[in-house]
Amino acid sequence: MEPRSLCVIPARGGSKRLERKNVKPLAGKPMIAYTIEAALDSGVFDTVIVSTEDEEIATVSEEYGATVPFERPAELASDTAQVVDVVDHALEYYDERGEEFTELGALLPTSPLRSATDLRGAADRFRDHEEAEFLMCVTEYQFSPFEALVERDGWLEEYWDEDSFYGTRSQERPDLVVDNGAAYLMDVEAYRRERIFYGEKLIPHYMPPERSVDVDERFDFEFAEFLLERRTE
């Protein structure tokens, strides 16, 4: 089968921490627009869709060039719905119409600073690695997880046990990275088998922290806006 790539952008209308964040104006345009434009401009995907139950998100998404082929079922738009269930629904929609894809991308609209160049780099790395079945965009931790503390009975304690790396010099610790939510690329067969975005044969695509902001709360939104406005100065 000829290789074909589907990009799914999951965007529900509800958001408890930051109301209507997917369509909230961010440095001059709705936040979801940045993800749609990056996906389309990258040239990585044959089809770019937005999965939503929300009429306003659907309208905005189509205005910026994405396809909204269906209305997401209400049960997949709740607080407890998982992104994998949303992706499953999208694949099933195309299965029913006889359209098959070999590669799958999931892009969260809460990562507006990820660029088309980031996506092209991730896709090149994924496609050039013969054994890779999954790719995840990652970045360095802002603070070392080895320095984590936890409050127990009112007292702060080291989270890790005494054999951990707590208190060691940074150069003595392993280099750790964290999922930044910018992009997940997958072989469709592998995804169907494991139903997860980070299967066993997972490789990273590294991104700098200034393009790895994940908008969850107002501070994240304002920080992303600050960085975007600096880009245009």
Protein backbone atom coordinates (compact mmCIF):
# COMPACT_ATOMS: atom_id res chain seq x y z
CA MET A 1 0.00 0.00 0.00
CA GLU A 2 1.22 3.48 -0.83
CA PRO A 3 2.32 5.29 2.36
CA ARG A 4 -0.30 7.74 3.62
CA SER A 5 -0.19 9.86 6.75
CA LEU A 6 -3.12 11.08 8.86
CA CYS A 7 -2.80 13.91 11.37
CA VAL A 8 -5.39 14.07 14.16
CA ILE A 9 -5.71 17.26 16.21
CA PRO A 10 -7.98 16.53 19.20
CA ALA A 11 -9.76 19.67 20.42
CA ARG A 12 -12.75 19.51 22.72
CA GLY A 13 -14.74 22.54 23.78
CA GLY A 14 -14.60 22.06 27.54
CA SER A 15 -11.63 23.23 29.58
CA LYS A 16 -11.75 23.68 33.34
CA ARG A 17 -8.45 25.44 33.99
CA LEU A 18 -8.50 27.84 31.04
CA GLU A 19 -11.93 28.38 29.55
CA ARG A 20 -12.28 27.93 25.77
CA LYS A 21 -8.51 27.75 25.44
CA ASN A 22 -8.47 26.05 22.02
CA VAL A 23 -10.10 29.06 20.37
CA LYS A 24 -8.87 31.70 22.81
CA PRO A 25 -7.10 34.52 20.92
CA LEU A 26 -3.34 34.07 21.26
CA ALA A 27 -1.10 36.78 19.80
CA GLY A 28 -3.72 37.62 17.20
CA LYS A 29 -5.35 34.31 16.29
CA PRO A 30 -7.08 31.34 17.93
CA MET A 31 -4.65 29.05 19.72
CA ILE A 32 -5.62 26.00 17.66
CA ALA A 33 -4.68 27.87 14.47
CA TYR A 34 -0.98 27.53 15.27
CA THR A 35 -1.18 23.73 15.33
CA ILE A 36 -3.25 23.57 12.15
CA GLU A 37 -0.90 25.88 10.28
CA ALA A 38 2.20 23.99 11.45
CA ALA A 39 0.68 20.67 10.36
CA LEU A 40 -0.33 21.98 6.93
CA ASP A 41 2.86 23.97 6.30
CA SER A 42 5.07 21.04 7.24
CA GLY A 43 3.95 18.97 4.25
CA VAL A 44 4.30 15.88 6.45
CA PHE A 45 0.67 14.76 6.40
CA ASP A 46 -1.65 13.77 3.57
CA THR A 47 -4.74 14.60 5.63
CA VAL A 48 -5.03 16.99 8.59
CA ILE A 49 -8.22 16.74 10.63
CA VAL A 50 -9.58 18.26 13.81
CA SER A 51 -11.69 16.01 16.02
CA THR A 52 -14.14 18.10 18.03
CA GLU A 53 -17.69 18.19 19.31
CA ASP A 54 -17.67 21.98 19.44
CA GLU A 55 -19.24 24.06 16.66
CA GLU A 56 -17.00 27.10 17.17
CA ILE A 57 -13.82 25.01 17.17
CA ALA A 58 -15.02 23.26 14.01
CA THR A 59 -15.68 26.57 12.26
CA VAL A 60 -12.34 28.07 13.27
CA SER A 61 -10.49 24.89 12.27
CA GLU A 62 -11.99 24.92 8.78
CA GLU A 63 -11.19 28.62 8.41
CA TYR A 64 -7.52 27.80 8.96
CA GLY A 65 -7.51 24.91 6.50
CA ALA A 66 -8.12 21.78 8.54
CA THR A 67 -10.75 19.19 7.67
CA VAL A 68 -13.50 18.52 10.22
CA PRO A 69 -15.02 15.35 8.73
CA PHE A 70 -17.31 14.45 11.63
CA GLU A 71 -18.71 15.65 14.94
CA ARG A 72 -16.95 13.91 17.79
CA PRO A 73 -19.36 11.83 19.91
CA ALA A 74 -20.25 13.40 23.25
CA GLU A 75 -18.79 10.48 25.21
CA LEU A 76 -15.39 11.24 23.68
CA ALA A 77 -15.57 14.90 24.72
CA SER A 78 -15.80 14.40 28.48
CA ASP A 79 -13.09 15.10 31.06
CA THR A 80 -12.39 11.39 31.30
CA ALA A 81 -12.07 10.69 27.57
CA GLN A 82 -8.62 9.60 26.47
CA VAL A 83 -6.81 10.91 23.40
CA VAL A 84 -6.27 7.33 22.20
CA ASP A 85 -10.05 6.87 22.12
CA VAL A 86 -10.35 10.00 19.99
CA VAL A 87 -7.69 8.71 17.61
CA ASP A 88 -9.38 5.30 17.45
CA HIS A 89 -12.62 7.00 16.48
CA ALA A 90 -10.90 8.93 13.69
CA LEU A 91 -9.27 5.80 12.28
CA GLU A 92 -12.55 3.92 12.44
CA TYR A 93 -14.26 6.74 10.54
CA TYR A 94 -11.82 6.34 7.65
CA ASP A 95 -11.86 2.54 7.88
CA GLU A 96 -15.62 2.60 7.27
CA ARG A 97 -15.01 4.61 4.11
CA GLY A 98 -12.28 2.34 2.81
CA GLU A 99 -9.49 4.85 3.39
CA GLU A 100 -6.33 3.44 4.92
CA PHE A 101 -3.32 5.17 6.45
CA THR A 102 0.11 3.76 7.20
CA GLU A 103 1.32 6.57 9.44
CA LEU A 104 -0.44 8.49 12.17
CA GLY A 105 0.32 11.81 13.82
CA ALA A 106 -1.35 13.23 16.92
CA LEU A 107 -0.78 16.94 17.55
CA LEU A 108 -2.16 18.61 20.66
CA PRO A 109 -3.45 22.16 20.12
CA THR A 110 -2.00 23.11 23.50
CA SER A 111 1.48 23.28 21.92
CA PRO A 112 1.19 26.45 19.80
CA LEU A 113 4.94 27.12 19.63
CA ARG A 114 5.80 23.93 17.76
CA SER A 115 6.71 24.84 14.18
CA ALA A 116 6.40 23.27 10.75
CA THR A 117 10.18 22.84 10.83
CA ASP A 118 9.87 20.86 14.07
CA LEU A 119 7.35 18.56 12.42
CA ARG A 120 9.47 18.05 9.31
CA GLY A 121 12.49 17.22 11.48
CA ALA A 122 10.45 14.77 13.54
CA ALA A 123 9.01 13.09 10.44
CA ASP A 124 12.42 12.80 8.78
CA ARG A 125 13.88 11.21 11.90
CA PHE A 126 10.96 8.81 12.22
CA ARG A 127 10.96 7.75 8.60
CA ASP A 128 14.74 7.38 8.40
CA HIS A 129 14.81 5.03 11.41
CA GLU A 130 13.93 1.64 9.95
CA GLU A 131 12.97 -0.03 13.24
CA ALA A 132 11.10 2.85 14.89
CA GLU A 133 7.36 2.42 15.38
CA PHE A 134 6.73 5.47 17.56
CA LEU A 135 8.24 8.94 17.90
CA MET A 136 7.66 11.45 20.68
CA CYS A 137 8.77 15.07 20.81
CA VAL A 138 10.66 15.76 24.02
CA THR A 139 12.53 18.53 25.81
CA GLU A 140 14.79 18.88 28.83
CA TYR A 141 13.29 19.28 32.29
CA GLN A 142 13.24 22.85 33.55
CA PHE A 143 14.10 21.53 37.01
CA SER A 144 15.84 18.24 37.65
CA PRO A 145 13.38 15.53 38.76
CA PHE A 146 16.19 14.13 40.89
CA GLU A 147 15.78 17.12 43.21
CA ALA A 148 12.11 16.40 43.91
CA LEU A 149 10.80 16.89 47.43
CA VAL A 150 7.52 15.69 48.90
CA GLU A 151 5.54 16.89 51.93
CA ARG A 152 4.73 14.16 54.43
CA ASP A 153 2.98 14.98 57.70
CA GLY A 154 3.89 18.64 57.26
CA TRP A 155 7.60 18.01 56.66
CA LEU A 156 9.50 18.21 53.38
CA GLU A 157 11.48 15.10 52.54
CA GLU A 158 13.51 13.88 49.60
CA TYR A 159 11.14 12.05 47.27
CA TRP A 160 13.77 9.56 46.12
CA ASP A 161 15.43 7.15 48.52
CA GLU A 162 18.97 7.54 49.77
CA ASP A 163 20.37 5.53 46.86
CA SER A 164 19.00 8.02 44.36
CA PHE A 165 20.80 10.88 42.66
CA TYR A 166 19.50 13.53 45.09
CA GLY A 167 22.34 15.82 46.15
CA THR A 168 24.76 14.63 43.48
CA ARG A 169 26.36 16.97 40.98
CA SER A 170 24.33 17.49 37.81
CA GLN A 171 27.08 16.02 35.62
CA GLU A 172 26.83 12.77 37.58
CA ARG A 173 23.14 12.31 36.80
CA PRO A 174 21.71 10.69 33.68
CA ASP A 175 20.25 13.08 31.11
CA LEU A 176 16.47 12.91 31.35
CA VAL A 177 13.89 14.40 29.02
CA VAL A 178 10.14 14.82 29.21
CA ASP A 179 7.27 14.47 26.72
CA ASN A 180 6.41 18.03 25.64
CA GLY A 181 3.09 17.18 23.93
CA ALA A 182 4.10 18.78 20.62
CA ALA A 183 3.80 15.72 18.37
CA TYR A 184 3.47 11.96 18.37
CA LEU A 185 4.18 10.00 15.19
CA MET A 186 3.29 6.34 14.87
CA ASP A 187 3.13 3.42 12.51
CA VAL A 188 -0.59 2.70 12.27
CA GLU A 189 -0.22 -1.08 12.61
CA ALA A 190 1.93 -0.63 15.72
CA TYR A 191 -0.54 1.84 17.18
CA ARG A 192 -3.47 -0.52 16.59
CA ARG A 193 -1.51 -3.28 18.29
CA GLU A 194 -0.47 -1.30 21.37
CA ARG A 195 -3.11 1.47 21.53
CA ILE A 196 -0.62 3.87 23.03
CA PHE A 197 1.53 6.75 21.79
CA TYR A 198 4.76 5.52 23.34
CA GLY A 199 5.19 1.90 22.42
CA GLU A 200 8.28 -0.23 22.82
CA LYS A 201 10.13 0.95 19.71
CA LEU A 202 9.97 4.62 20.61
CA ILE A 203 12.48 7.25 19.50
CA PRO A 204 12.76 10.93 20.52
CA HIS A 205 12.77 14.16 18.60
CA TYR A 206 14.40 16.86 20.70
CA MET A 207 12.92 20.35 20.87
CA PRO A 208 14.18 23.43 22.73
CA PRO A 209 12.22 24.64 25.76
CA GLU A 210 11.19 27.87 24.03
CA ARG A 211 9.08 25.84 21.58
CA SER A 212 7.90 23.27 24.12
CA VAL A 213 5.36 25.29 26.11
CA ASP A 214 2.27 23.21 26.90
CA VAL A 215 -0.69 25.50 27.59
CA ASP A 216 -2.69 24.18 30.51
CA GLU A 217 -3.22 27.22 32.72
CA ARG A 218 -3.30 31.01 32.35
CA PHE A 219 0.41 31.39 33.12
CA ASP A 220 1.29 28.98 30.29
CA PHE A 221 -0.98 30.91 27.93
CA GLU A 222 0.54 34.27 28.82
CA PHE A 223 4.06 32.87 28.55
CA ALA A 224 3.30 31.41 25.12
CA GLU A 225 1.86 34.75 24.03
CA PHE A 226 4.99 36.53 25.21
CA LEU A 227 7.22 34.18 23.21
CA LEU A 228 5.05 34.44 20.09
CA GLU A 229 5.03 38.23 20.22
CA ARG A 230 8.81 38.26 20.53
CA ARG A 231 9.01 36.22 17.32
CA THR A 232 7.34 39.04 15.38
CA GLU A 233 9.36 41.92 16.85
